[in-house]
Amino acid sequence: MDYLMAFVIGGLICVIGQILIDKTKLTSARVLVLFVTLGAILQGFGLYQKLIDIAGAGATVPLPGFGYSLAKGAIEEVKKIGFVGAFTGGVSRTAGGIAAAVFFGYIIALIFNPKSK
């Protein structure tokens, strides 16, 4: 049942994004920013954690999950070290994922030798 819920919730997030791109004048970059921001705002109100409890990776892997991680890291660090944690917490919590994305993106670029248009 966990796999089904992850698939359904993750799929719904992707469907919403595709509808926004197809039916509005929003670019994919603006939808990306919108989703990350919504994930952070929902976590700020404590709502995104409830979605993660239901959907697991279906809610943490898509873009709102990145916003959730940023907000959760900032909230935790503010509780530990105070105001400065609002700036350092999100970055430290998401650093591993960002580093992996940069590393694997570079490796794939070396393997496939992309060309400019």
PDB file of N, CA and C in Angstrom:
ATOM      1  N   MET A   1       0.818  -1.196   0.000  1.00  0.00           N
ATOM      2  CA  MET A   1       0.000   0.000   0.000  1.00  0.00           C
ATOM      3  C   MET A   1       0.865   1.265   0.000  1.00  0.00           C
ATOM      4  N   ASP A   2       2.050   1.175   0.644  1.00  0.00           N
ATOM      5  CA  ASP A   2       2.960   2.328   0.671  1.00  0.00           C
ATOM      6  C   ASP A   2       3.385   2.721  -0.736  1.00  0.00           C
ATOM      7  N   TYR A   3       3.699   1.714  -1.565  1.00  0.00           N
ATOM      8  CA  TYR A   3       4.122   1.986  -2.938  1.00  0.00           C
ATOM      9  C   TYR A   3       3.005   2.634  -3.743  1.00  0.00           C
ATOM     10  N   LEU A   4       1.796   2.162  -3.548  1.00  0.00           N
ATOM     11  CA  LEU A   4       0.652   2.712  -4.273  1.00  0.00           C
ATOM     12  C   LEU A   4       0.418   4.175  -3.897  1.00  0.00           C
ATOM     13  N   MET A   5       0.476   4.479  -2.605  1.00  0.00           N
ATOM     14  CA  MET A   5       0.265   5.861  -2.169  1.00  0.00           C
ATOM     15  C   MET A   5       1.386   6.777  -2.670  1.00  0.00           C
ATOM     16  N   ALA A   6       2.615   6.286  -2.657  1.00  0.00           N
ATOM     17  CA  ALA A   6       3.730   7.083  -3.174  1.00  0.00           C
ATOM     18  C   ALA A   6       3.529   7.369  -4.657  1.00  0.00           C
ATOM     19  N   PHE A   7       3.107   6.357  -5.405  1.00  0.00           N
ATOM     20  CA  PHE A   7       2.874   6.518  -6.841  1.00  0.00           C
ATOM     21  C   PHE A   7       1.736   7.494  -7.111  1.00  0.00           C
ATOM     22  N   VAL A   8       0.638   7.359  -6.381  1.00  0.00           N
ATOM     23  CA  VAL A   8      -0.535   8.205  -6.607  1.00  0.00           C
ATOM     24  C   VAL A   8      -0.239   9.665  -6.236  1.00  0.00           C
ATOM     25  N   ILE A   9       0.298   9.897  -5.060  1.00  0.00           N
ATOM     26  CA  ILE A   9       0.569  11.274  -4.618  1.00  0.00           C
ATOM     27  C   ILE A   9       1.654  11.921  -5.477  1.00  0.00           C
ATOM     28  N   GLY A  10       2.740  11.209  -5.735  1.00  0.00           N
ATOM     29  CA  GLY A  10       3.792  11.738  -6.600  1.00  0.00           C
ATOM     30  C   GLY A  10       3.273  12.016  -7.997  1.00  0.00           C
ATOM     31  N   GLY A  11       2.433  11.113  -8.509  1.00  0.00           N
ATOM     32  CA  GLY A  11       1.828  11.314  -9.825  1.00  0.00           C
ATOM     33  C   GLY A  11       0.915  12.523  -9.860  1.00  0.00           C
ATOM     34  N   LEU A  12       0.140  12.720  -8.804  1.00  0.00           N
ATOM     35  CA  LEU A  12      -0.745  13.894  -8.748  1.00  0.00           C
ATOM     36  C   LEU A  12       0.041  15.203  -8.729  1.00  0.00           C
ATOM     37  N   ILE A  13       1.150  15.216  -8.011  1.00  0.00           N
ATOM     38  CA  ILE A  13       1.998  16.412  -7.995  1.00  0.00           C
ATOM     39  C   ILE A  13       2.506  16.701  -9.408  1.00  0.00           C
ATOM     40  N   CYS A  14       2.933  15.663 -10.108  1.00  0.00           N
ATOM     41  CA  CYS A  14       3.428  15.835 -11.475  1.00  0.00           C
ATOM     42  C   CYS A  14       2.315  16.247 -12.432  1.00  0.00           C
ATOM     43  N   VAL A  15       1.124  15.688 -12.262  1.00  0.00           N
ATOM     44  CA  VAL A  15      -0.016  16.059 -13.107  1.00  0.00           C
ATOM     45  C   VAL A  15      -0.367  17.529 -12.910  1.00  0.00           C
ATOM     46  N   ILE A  16      -0.360  17.985 -11.671  1.00  0.00           N
ATOM     47  CA  ILE A  16      -0.650  19.402 -11.396  1.00  0.00           C
ATOM     48  C   ILE A  16       0.374  20.286 -12.098  1.00  0.00           C
ATOM     49  N   GLY A  17       1.636  19.911 -12.019  1.00  0.00           N
ATOM     50  CA  GLY A  17       2.680  20.676 -12.696  1.00  0.00           C
ATOM     51  C   GLY A  17       2.485  20.701 -14.206  1.00  0.00           C
ATOM     52  N   GLN A  18       2.143  19.557 -14.781  1.00  0.00           N
ATOM     53  CA  GLN A  18       1.950  19.502 -16.231  1.00  0.00           C
ATOM     54  C   GLN A  18       0.738  20.323 -16.656  1.00  0.00           C
ATOM     55  N   ILE A  19      -0.324  20.288 -15.868  1.00  0.00           N
ATOM     56  CA  ILE A  19      -1.508  21.097 -16.177  1.00  0.00           C
ATOM     57  C   ILE A  19      -1.164  22.584 -16.108  1.00  0.00           C
ATOM     58  N   LEU A  20      -0.393  22.979 -15.106  1.00  0.00           N
ATOM     59  CA  LEU A  20       0.020  24.380 -15.003  1.00  0.00           C
ATOM     60  C   LEU A  20       0.835  24.816 -16.218  1.00  0.00           C
ATOM     61  N   ILE A  21       1.706  23.949 -16.705  1.00  0.00           N
ATOM     62  CA  ILE A  21       2.515  24.285 -17.870  1.00  0.00           C
ATOM     63  C   ILE A  21       1.656  24.345 -19.133  1.00  0.00           C
ATOM     64  N   ASP A  22       0.734  23.382 -19.291  1.00  0.00           N
ATOM     65  CA  ASP A  22      -0.081  23.300 -20.505  1.00  0.00           C
ATOM     66  C   ASP A  22      -1.196  24.338 -20.571  1.00  0.00           C
ATOM     67  N   LYS A  23      -1.824  24.633 -19.452  1.00  0.00           N
ATOM     68  CA  LYS A  23      -3.033  25.456 -19.463  1.00  0.00           C
ATOM     69  C   LYS A  23      -2.824  26.904 -19.035  1.00  0.00           C
ATOM     70  N   THR A  24      -1.641  27.244 -18.560  1.00  0.00           N
ATOM     71  CA  THR A  24      -1.362  28.624 -18.162  1.00  0.00           C
ATOM     72  C   THR A  24      -0.153  29.116 -18.948  1.00  0.00           C
ATOM     73  N   LYS A  25       0.182  30.356 -18.743  1.00  0.00           N
ATOM     74  CA  LYS A  25       1.359  30.916 -19.407  1.00  0.00           C
ATOM     75  C   LYS A  25       2.611  30.782 -18.545  1.00  0.00           C
ATOM     76  N   LEU A  26       2.517  29.983 -17.473  1.00  0.00           N
ATOM     77  CA  LEU A  26       3.680  29.771 -16.614  1.00  0.00           C
ATOM     78  C   LEU A  26       4.715  28.915 -17.332  1.00  0.00           C
ATOM     79  N   THR A  27       5.964  29.328 -17.243  1.00  0.00           N
ATOM     80  CA  THR A  27       7.042  28.514 -17.801  1.00  0.00           C
ATOM     81  C   THR A  27       7.373  27.395 -16.811  1.00  0.00           C
ATOM     82  N   SER A  28       8.120  26.416 -17.290  1.00  0.00           N
ATOM     83  CA  SER A  28       8.491  25.317 -16.393  1.00  0.00           C
ATOM     84  C   SER A  28       9.354  25.822 -15.234  1.00  0.00           C
ATOM     85  N   ALA A  29      10.162  26.845 -15.476  1.00  0.00           N
ATOM     86  CA  ALA A  29      10.983  27.412 -14.396  1.00  0.00           C
ATOM     87  C   ALA A  29      10.106  28.049 -13.324  1.00  0.00           C
ATOM     88  N   ARG A  30       9.046  28.725 -13.731  1.00  0.00           N
ATOM     89  CA  ARG A  30       8.155  29.346 -12.746  1.00  0.00           C
ATOM     90  C   ARG A  30       7.364  28.294 -11.978  1.00  0.00           C
ATOM     91  N   VAL A  31       6.987  27.218 -12.640  1.00  0.00           N
ATOM     92  CA  VAL A  31       6.300  26.127 -11.940  1.00  0.00           C
ATOM     93  C   VAL A  31       7.251  25.498 -10.925  1.00  0.00           C
ATOM     94  N   LEU A  32       8.529  25.355 -11.289  1.00  0.00           N
ATOM     95  CA  LEU A  32       9.538  24.828 -10.368  1.00  0.00           C
ATOM     96  C   LEU A  32       9.612  25.691  -9.113  1.00  0.00           C
ATOM     97  N   VAL A  33       9.730  26.994  -9.298  1.00  0.00           N
ATOM     98  CA  VAL A  33       9.817  27.915  -8.160  1.00  0.00           C
ATOM     99  C   VAL A  33       8.535  27.871  -7.340  1.00  0.00           C
ATOM    100  N   LEU A  34       7.387  27.816  -8.005  1.00  0.00           N
ATOM    101  CA  LEU A  34       6.101  27.738  -7.320  1.00  0.00           C
ATOM    102  C   LEU A  34       6.024  26.491  -6.448  1.00  0.00           C
ATOM    103  N   PHE A  35       6.423  25.346  -6.989  1.00  0.00           N
ATOM    104  CA  PHE A  35       6.352  24.092  -6.233  1.00  0.00           C
ATOM    105  C   PHE A  35       7.292  24.091  -5.036  1.00  0.00           C
ATOM    106  N   VAL A  36       8.514  24.564  -5.227  1.00  0.00           N
ATOM    107  CA  VAL A  36       9.468  24.606  -4.102  1.00  0.00           C
ATOM    108  C   VAL A  36       8.954  25.546  -3.016  1.00  0.00           C
ATOM    109  N   THR A  37       8.428  26.697  -3.436  1.00  0.00           N
ATOM    110  CA  THR A  37       7.888  27.659  -2.474  1.00  0.00           C
ATOM    111  C   THR A  37       6.682  27.094  -1.736  1.00  0.00           C
ATOM    112  N   LEU A  38       5.786  26.429  -2.468  1.00  0.00           N
ATOM    113  CA  LEU A  38       4.612  25.828  -1.814  1.00  0.00           C
ATOM    114  C   LEU A  38       5.016  24.750  -0.815  1.00  0.00           C
ATOM    115  N   GLY A  39       6.025  23.953  -1.162  1.00  0.00           N
ATOM    116  CA  GLY A  39       6.512  22.937  -0.229  1.00  0.00           C
ATOM    117  C   GLY A  39       7.038  23.559   1.055  1.00  0.00           C
ATOM    118  N   ALA A  40       7.773  24.670   0.913  1.00  0.00           N
ATOM    119  CA  ALA A  40       8.312  25.355   2.098  1.00  0.00           C
ATOM    120  C   ALA A  40       7.194  25.979   2.927  1.00  0.00           C
ATOM    121  N   ILE A  41       6.223  26.606   2.253  1.00  0.00           N
ATOM    122  CA  ILE A  41       5.108  27.239   2.984  1.00  0.00           C
ATOM    123  C   ILE A  41       4.266  26.190   3.701  1.00  0.00           C
ATOM    124  N   LEU A  42       3.956  25.095   2.999  1.00  0.00           N
ATOM    125  CA  LEU A  42       3.154  24.040   3.636  1.00  0.00           C
ATOM    126  C   LEU A  42       3.884  23.442   4.835  1.00  0.00           C
ATOM    127  N   GLN A  43       5.207  23.285   4.736  1.00  0.00           N
ATOM    128  CA  GLN A  43       5.960  22.778   5.883  1.00  0.00           C
ATOM    129  C   GLN A  43       5.978  23.799   7.009  1.00  0.00           C
ATOM    130  N   GLY A  44       6.039  25.076   6.669  1.00  0.00           N
ATOM    131  CA  GLY A  44       5.996  26.115   7.694  1.00  0.00           C
ATOM    132  C   GLY A  44       4.730  26.053   8.528  1.00  0.00           C
ATOM    133  N   PHE A  45       3.631  25.647   7.897  1.00  0.00           N
ATOM    134  CA  PHE A  45       2.362  25.479   8.613  1.00  0.00           C
ATOM    135  C   PHE A  45       2.192  24.070   9.165  1.00  0.00           C
ATOM    136  N   GLY A  46       3.171  23.201   8.936  1.00  0.00           N
ATOM    137  CA  GLY A  46       3.115  21.837   9.457  1.00  0.00           C
ATOM    138  C   GLY A  46       2.235  20.895   8.652  1.00  0.00           C
ATOM    139  N   LEU A  47       1.870  21.273   7.432  1.00  0.00           N
ATOM    140  CA  LEU A  47       0.968  20.449   6.628  1.00  0.00           C
ATOM    141  C   LEU A  47       1.704  19.450   5.740  1.00  0.00           C
ATOM    142  N   TYR A  48       2.886  19.814   5.264  1.00  0.00           N
ATOM    143  CA  TYR A  48       3.570  18.920   4.322  1.00  0.00           C
ATOM    144  C   TYR A  48       4.035  17.636   4.997  1.00  0.00           C
ATOM    145  N   GLN A  49       4.370  17.699   6.278  1.00  0.00           N
ATOM    146  CA  GLN A  49       4.778  16.493   7.002  1.00  0.00           C
ATOM    147  C   GLN A  49       3.651  15.466   7.021  1.00  0.00           C
ATOM    148  N   LYS A  50       2.412  15.931   7.123  1.00  0.00           N
ATOM    149  CA  LYS A  50       1.266  15.013   7.100  1.00  0.00           C
ATOM    150  C   LYS A  50       1.154  14.314   5.754  1.00  0.00           C
ATOM    151  N   LEU A  51       1.433  15.047   4.660  1.00  0.00           N
ATOM    152  CA  LEU A  51       1.421  14.450   3.325  1.00  0.00           C
ATOM    153  C   LEU A  51       2.538  13.421   3.188  1.00  0.00           C
ATOM    154  N   ILE A  52       3.696  13.711   3.754  1.00  0.00           N
ATOM    155  CA  ILE A  52       4.816  12.770   3.707  1.00  0.00           C
ATOM    156  C   ILE A  52       4.491  11.506   4.498  1.00  0.00           C
ATOM    157  N   ASP A  53       3.804  11.655   5.626  1.00  0.00           N
ATOM    158  CA  ASP A  53       3.413  10.487   6.414  1.00  0.00           C
ATOM    159  C   ASP A  53       2.514   9.553   5.610  1.00  0.00           C
ATOM    160  N   ILE A  54       1.717  10.103   4.718  1.00  0.00           N
ATOM    161  CA  ILE A  54       0.819   9.299   3.879  1.00  0.00           C
ATOM    162  C   ILE A  54       1.543   8.770   2.648  1.00  0.00           C
ATOM    163  N   ALA A  55       2.299   9.639   1.960  1.00  0.00           N
ATOM    164  CA  ALA A  55       2.832   9.304   0.642  1.00  0.00           C
ATOM    165  C   ALA A  55       4.298   8.884   0.635  1.00  0.00           C
ATOM    166  N   GLY A  56       5.041   9.136   1.682  1.00  0.00           N
ATOM    167  CA  GLY A  56       6.457   8.771   1.708  1.00  0.00           C
ATOM    168  C   GLY A  56       7.237   9.450   0.595  1.00  0.00           C
ATOM    169  N   ALA A  57       7.973   8.649  -0.186  1.00  0.00           N
ATOM    170  CA  ALA A  57       8.812   9.191  -1.248  1.00  0.00           C
ATOM    171  C   ALA A  57       8.005   9.876  -2.341  1.00  0.00           C
ATOM    172  N   GLY A  58       6.730   9.553  -2.462  1.00  0.00           N
ATOM    173  CA  GLY A  58       5.884  10.231  -3.439  1.00  0.00           C
ATOM    174  C   GLY A  58       5.736  11.706  -3.147  1.00  0.00           C
ATOM    175  N   ALA A  59       5.986  12.107  -1.914  1.00  0.00           N
ATOM    176  CA  ALA A  59       5.902  13.519  -1.537  1.00  0.00           C
ATOM    177  C   ALA A  59       7.271  14.145  -1.312  1.00  0.00           C
ATOM    178  N   THR A  60       8.302  13.339  -1.052  1.00  0.00           N
ATOM    179  CA  THR A  60       9.619  13.921  -0.777  1.00  0.00           C
ATOM    180  C   THR A  60      10.475  14.066  -2.028  1.00  0.00           C
ATOM    181  N   VAL A  61      10.247  13.251  -3.043  1.00  0.00           N
ATOM    182  CA  VAL A  61      11.083  13.298  -4.242  1.00  0.00           C
ATOM    183  C   VAL A  61      10.725  14.450  -5.177  1.00  0.00           C
ATOM    184  N   PRO A  62       9.448  14.750  -5.429  1.00  0.00           N
ATOM    185  CA  PRO A  62       9.140  15.878  -6.328  1.00  0.00           C
ATOM    186  C   PRO A  62       9.581  17.228  -5.744  1.00  0.00           C
ATOM    187  N   LEU A  63       9.463  18.265  -6.526  1.00  0.00           N
ATOM    188  CA  LEU A  63       9.953  19.591  -6.145  1.00  0.00           C
ATOM    189  C   LEU A  63       9.422  20.135  -4.820  1.00  0.00           C
ATOM    190  N   PRO A  64       8.160  19.956  -4.473  1.00  0.00           N
ATOM    191  CA  PRO A  64       7.729  20.464  -3.166  1.00  0.00           C
ATOM    192  C   PRO A  64       8.513  19.826  -2.014  1.00  0.00           C
ATOM    193  N   GLY A  65       9.013  18.616  -2.224  1.00  0.00           N
ATOM    194  CA  GLY A  65       9.822  17.960  -1.203  1.00  0.00           C
ATOM    195  C   GLY A  65      11.123  18.691  -0.932  1.00  0.00           C
ATOM    196  N   PHE A  66      11.673  19.353  -1.951  1.00  0.00           N
ATOM    197  CA  PHE A  66      12.883  20.146  -1.751  1.00  0.00           C
ATOM    198  C   PHE A  66      12.568  21.365  -0.895  1.00  0.00           C
ATOM    199  N   GLY A  67      11.444  22.018  -1.178  1.00  0.00           N
ATOM    200  CA  GLY A  67      11.024  23.145  -0.351  1.00  0.00           C
ATOM    201  C   GLY A  67      10.769  22.719   1.086  1.00  0.00           C
ATOM    202  N   TYR A  68      10.169  21.546   1.242  1.00  0.00           N
ATOM    203  CA  TYR A  68       9.929  20.974   2.567  1.00  0.00           C
ATOM    204  C   TYR A  68      11.252  20.792   3.315  1.00  0.00           C
ATOM    205  N   SER A  69      12.251  20.231   2.627  1.00  0.00           N
ATOM    206  CA  SER A  69      13.550  20.004   3.267  1.00  0.00           C
ATOM    207  C   SER A  69      14.219  21.317   3.669  1.00  0.00           C
ATOM    208  N   LEU A  70      14.144  22.319   2.798  1.00  0.00           N
ATOM    209  CA  LEU A  70      14.712  23.622   3.135  1.00  0.00           C
ATOM    210  C   LEU A  70      14.046  24.204   4.381  1.00  0.00           C
ATOM    211  N   ALA A  71      12.719  24.182   4.396  1.00  0.00           N
ATOM    212  CA  ALA A  71      11.983  24.759   5.528  1.00  0.00           C
ATOM    213  C   ALA A  71      12.226  23.960   6.805  1.00  0.00           C
ATOM    214  N   LYS A  72      12.210  22.637   6.698  1.00  0.00           N
ATOM    215  CA  LYS A  72      12.403  21.811   7.891  1.00  0.00           C
ATOM    216  C   LYS A  72      13.798  22.031   8.485  1.00  0.00           C
ATOM    217  N   GLY A  73      14.804  22.113   7.619  1.00  0.00           N
ATOM    218  CA  GLY A  73      16.161  22.375   8.102  1.00  0.00           C
ATOM    219  C   GLY A  73      16.273  23.724   8.777  1.00  0.00           C
ATOM    220  N   ALA A  74      15.642  24.734   8.179  1.00  0.00           N
ATOM    221  CA  ALA A  74      15.686  26.077   8.771  1.00  0.00           C
ATOM    222  C   ALA A  74      14.975  26.104  10.120  1.00  0.00           C
ATOM    223  N   ILE A  75      13.833  25.461  10.197  1.00  0.00           N
ATOM    224  CA  ILE A  75      13.067  25.433  11.453  1.00  0.00           C
ATOM    225  C   ILE A  75      13.864  24.729  12.553  1.00  0.00           C
ATOM    226  N   GLU A  76      14.466  23.587  12.219  1.00  0.00           N
ATOM    227  CA  GLU A  76      15.244  22.844  13.215  1.00  0.00           C
ATOM    228  C   GLU A  76      16.450  23.642  13.704  1.00  0.00           C
ATOM    229  N   GLU A  77      17.137  24.312  12.783  1.00  0.00           N
ATOM    230  CA  GLU A  77      18.320  25.079  13.174  1.00  0.00           C
ATOM    231  C   GLU A  77      17.963  26.321  13.975  1.00  0.00           C
ATOM    232  N   VAL A  78      16.836  26.936  13.678  1.00  0.00           N
ATOM    233  CA  VAL A  78      16.397  28.090  14.482  1.00  0.00           C
ATOM    234  C   VAL A  78      16.146  27.649  15.916  1.00  0.00           C
ATOM    235  N   LYS A  79      15.560  26.471  16.085  1.00  0.00           N
ATOM    236  CA  LYS A  79      15.313  25.959  17.434  1.00  0.00           C
ATOM    237  C   LYS A  79      16.621  25.670  18.171  1.00  0.00           C
ATOM    238  N   LYS A  80      17.661  25.240  17.425  1.00  0.00           N
ATOM    239  CA  LYS A  80      18.941  24.891  18.047  1.00  0.00           C
ATOM    240  C   LYS A  80      19.812  26.111  18.328  1.00  0.00           C
ATOM    241  N   ILE A  81      20.035  26.939  17.286  1.00  0.00           N
ATOM    242  CA  ILE A  81      21.041  28.003  17.430  1.00  0.00           C
ATOM    243  C   ILE A  81      20.477  29.408  17.300  1.00  0.00           C
ATOM    244  N   GLY A  82      19.207  29.535  17.028  1.00  0.00           N
ATOM    245  CA  GLY A  82      18.606  30.865  16.952  1.00  0.00           C
ATOM    246  C   GLY A  82      18.459  31.380  15.536  1.00  0.00           C
ATOM    247  N   PHE A  83      18.410  32.689  15.408  1.00  0.00           N
ATOM    248  CA  PHE A  83      18.091  33.371  14.153  1.00  0.00           C
ATOM    249  C   PHE A  83      19.004  32.978  12.990  1.00  0.00           C
ATOM    250  N   VAL A  84      20.273  32.786  13.247  1.00  0.00           N
ATOM    251  CA  VAL A  84      21.223  32.426  12.186  1.00  0.00           C
ATOM    252  C   VAL A  84      20.841  31.098  11.536  1.00  0.00           C
ATOM    253  N   GLY A  85      20.208  30.231  12.287  1.00  0.00           N
ATOM    254  CA  GLY A  85      19.777  28.941  11.757  1.00  0.00           C
ATOM    255  C   GLY A  85      18.788  29.056  10.617  1.00  0.00           C
ATOM    256  N   ALA A  86      18.080  30.170  10.534  1.00  0.00           N
ATOM    257  CA  ALA A  86      17.151  30.378   9.424  1.00  0.00           C
ATOM    258  C   ALA A  86      17.898  30.437   8.102  1.00  0.00           C
ATOM    259  N   PHE A  87      19.148  30.857   8.126  1.00  0.00           N
ATOM    260  CA  PHE A  87      19.950  30.969   6.910  1.00  0.00           C
ATOM    261  C   PHE A  87      20.787  29.724   6.641  1.00  0.00           C
ATOM    262  N   THR A  88      21.216  29.048   7.695  1.00  0.00           N
ATOM    263  CA  THR A  88      22.123  27.910   7.520  1.00  0.00           C
ATOM    264  C   THR A  88      21.416  26.559   7.511  1.00  0.00           C
ATOM    265  N   GLY A  89      20.272  26.459   8.145  1.00  0.00           N
ATOM    266  CA  GLY A  89      19.617  25.162   8.309  1.00  0.00           C
ATOM    267  C   GLY A  89      19.168  24.507   7.018  1.00  0.00           C
ATOM    268  N   GLY A  90      18.529  25.275   6.161  1.00  0.00           N
ATOM    269  CA  GLY A  90      18.050  24.711   4.902  1.00  0.00           C
ATOM    270  C   GLY A  90      19.174  24.256   4.007  1.00  0.00           C
ATOM    271  N   VAL A  91      20.232  25.046   3.971  1.00  0.00           N
ATOM    272  CA  VAL A  91      21.374  24.713   3.115  1.00  0.00           C
ATOM    273  C   VAL A  91      22.069  23.453   3.620  1.00  0.00           C
ATOM    274  N   SER A  92      22.276  23.358   4.921  1.00  0.00           N
ATOM    275  CA  SER A  92      22.973  22.186   5.452  1.00  0.00           C
ATOM    276  C   SER A  92      22.121  20.922   5.316  1.00  0.00           C
ATOM    277  N   ARG A  93      20.804  21.055   5.422  1.00  0.00           N
ATOM    278  CA  ARG A  93      19.933  19.886   5.296  1.00  0.00           C
ATOM    279  C   ARG A  93      19.867  19.369   3.865  1.00  0.00           C
ATOM    280  N   THR A  94      19.980  20.235   2.883  1.00  0.00           N
ATOM    281  CA  THR A  94      19.838  19.827   1.481  1.00  0.00           C
ATOM    282  C   THR A  94      21.177  19.709   0.756  1.00  0.00           C
ATOM    283  N   ALA A  95      22.280  19.954   1.445  1.00  0.00           N
ATOM    284  CA  ALA A  95      23.595  19.966   0.794  1.00  0.00           C
ATOM    285  C   ALA A  95      23.931  18.642   0.120  1.00  0.00           C
ATOM    286  N   GLY A  96      23.606  17.530   0.743  1.00  0.00           N
ATOM    287  CA  GLY A  96      23.919  16.226   0.152  1.00  0.00           C
ATOM    288  C   GLY A  96      23.209  16.014  -1.177  1.00  0.00           C
ATOM    289  N   GLY A  97      21.939  16.358  -1.233  1.00  0.00           N
ATOM    290  CA  GLY A  97      21.183  16.204  -2.475  1.00  0.00           C
ATOM    291  C   GLY A  97      21.673  17.124  -3.569  1.00  0.00           C
ATOM    292  N   ILE A  98      22.005  18.351  -3.196  1.00  0.00           N
ATOM    293  CA  ILE A  98      22.515  19.311  -4.179  1.00  0.00           C
ATOM    294  C   ILE A  98      23.873  18.849  -4.704  1.00  0.00           C
ATOM    295  N   ALA A  99      24.736  18.400  -3.825  1.00  0.00           N
ATOM    296  CA  ALA A  99      26.063  17.915  -4.242  1.00  0.00           C
ATOM    297  C   ALA A  99      25.925  16.708  -5.168  1.00  0.00           C
ATOM    298  N   ALA A 100      25.019  15.794  -4.850  1.00  0.00           N
ATOM    299  CA  ALA A 100      24.811  14.624  -5.705  1.00  0.00           C
ATOM    300  C   ALA A 100      24.294  15.039  -7.082  1.00  0.00           C
ATOM    301  N   ALA A 101      23.377  16.002  -7.130  1.00  0.00           N
ATOM    302  CA  ALA A 101      22.846  16.465  -8.414  1.00  0.00           C
ATOM    303  C   ALA A 101      23.939  17.084  -9.271  1.00  0.00           C
ATOM    304  N   VAL A 102      24.789  17.896  -8.673  1.00  0.00           N
ATOM    305  CA  VAL A 102      25.891  18.518  -9.418  1.00  0.00           C
ATOM    306  C   VAL A 102      26.878  17.447  -9.893  1.00  0.00           C
ATOM    307  N   PHE A 103      27.248  16.538  -9.018  1.00  0.00           N
ATOM    308  CA  PHE A 103      28.213  15.495  -9.361  1.00  0.00           C
ATOM    309  C   PHE A 103      27.709  14.608 -10.491  1.00  0.00           C
ATOM    310  N   PHE A 104      26.489  14.076 -10.339  1.00  0.00           N
ATOM    311  CA  PHE A 104      25.975  13.170 -11.366  1.00  0.00           C
ATOM    312  C   PHE A 104      25.659  13.904 -12.666  1.00  0.00           C
ATOM    313  N   GLY A 105      25.245  15.160 -12.570  1.00  0.00           N
ATOM    314  CA  GLY A 105      25.042  15.961 -13.782  1.00  0.00           C
ATOM    315  C   GLY A 105      26.346  16.133 -14.541  1.00  0.00           C
ATOM    316  N   TYR A 106      27.435  16.376 -13.827  1.00  0.00           N
ATOM    317  CA  TYR A 106      28.742  16.523 -14.456  1.00  0.00           C
ATOM    318  C   TYR A 106      29.185  15.213 -15.103  1.00  0.00           C
ATOM    319  N   ILE A 107      29.017  14.099 -14.411  1.00  0.00           N
ATOM    320  CA  ILE A 107      29.404  12.789 -14.952  1.00  0.00           C
ATOM    321  C   ILE A 107      28.616  12.480 -16.221  1.00  0.00           C
ATOM    322  N   ILE A 108      27.313  12.730 -16.199  1.00  0.00           N
ATOM    323  CA  ILE A 108      26.485  12.470 -17.385  1.00  0.00           C
ATOM    324  C   ILE A 108      26.901  13.374 -18.532  1.00  0.00           C
ATOM    325  N   ALA A 109      27.238  14.631 -18.237  1.00  0.00           N
ATOM    326  CA  ALA A 109      27.704  15.547 -19.282  1.00  0.00           C
ATOM    327  C   ALA A 109      29.012  15.050 -19.897  1.00  0.00           C
ATOM    328  N   LEU A 110      29.895  14.472 -19.098  1.00  0.00           N
ATOM    329  CA  LEU A 110      31.137  13.920 -19.637  1.00  0.00           C
ATOM    330  C   LEU A 110      30.879  12.694 -20.510  1.00  0.00           C
ATOM    331  N   ILE A 111      29.967  11.850 -20.076  1.00  0.00           N
ATOM    332  CA  ILE A 111      29.681  10.615 -20.811  1.00  0.00           C
ATOM    333  C   ILE A 111      29.012  10.910 -22.154  1.00  0.00           C
ATOM    334  N   PHE A 112      28.025  11.785 -22.154  1.00  0.00           N
ATOM    335  CA  PHE A 112      27.227  11.995 -23.358  1.00  0.00           C
ATOM    336  C   PHE A 112      27.672  13.187 -24.196  1.00  0.00           C
ATOM    337  N   ASN A 113      28.623  13.999 -23.736  1.00  0.00           N
ATOM    338  CA  ASN A 113      29.182  15.095 -24.499  1.00  0.00           C
ATOM    339  C   ASN A 113      28.100  15.969 -25.134  1.00  0.00           C
ATOM    340  N   PRO A 114      27.365  16.748 -24.319  1.00  0.00           N
ATOM    341  CA  PRO A 114      26.262  17.540 -24.864  1.00  0.00           C
ATOM    342  C   PRO A 114      26.775  18.655 -25.790  1.00  0.00           C
ATOM    343  N   LYS A 115      25.954  18.966 -26.769  1.00  0.00           N
ATOM    344  CA  LYS A 115      26.285  20.008 -27.745  1.00  0.00           C
ATOM    345  C   LYS A 115      25.351  21.195 -27.558  1.00  0.00           C
ATOM    346  N   SER A 116      25.867  22.401 -27.786  1.00  0.00           N
ATOM    347  CA  SER A 116      25.029  23.596 -27.751  1.00  0.00           C
ATOM    348  C   SER A 116      24.239  23.688 -29.046  1.00  0.00           C
ATOM    349  N   LYS A 117      23.052  24.274 -28.959  1.00  0.00           N
ATOM    350  CA  LYS A 117      22.238  24.444 -30.170  1.00  0.00           C
ATOM    351  C   LYS A 117      22.560  25.717 -30.860  1.00  0.00           C
TER     352      LYS A 117
END
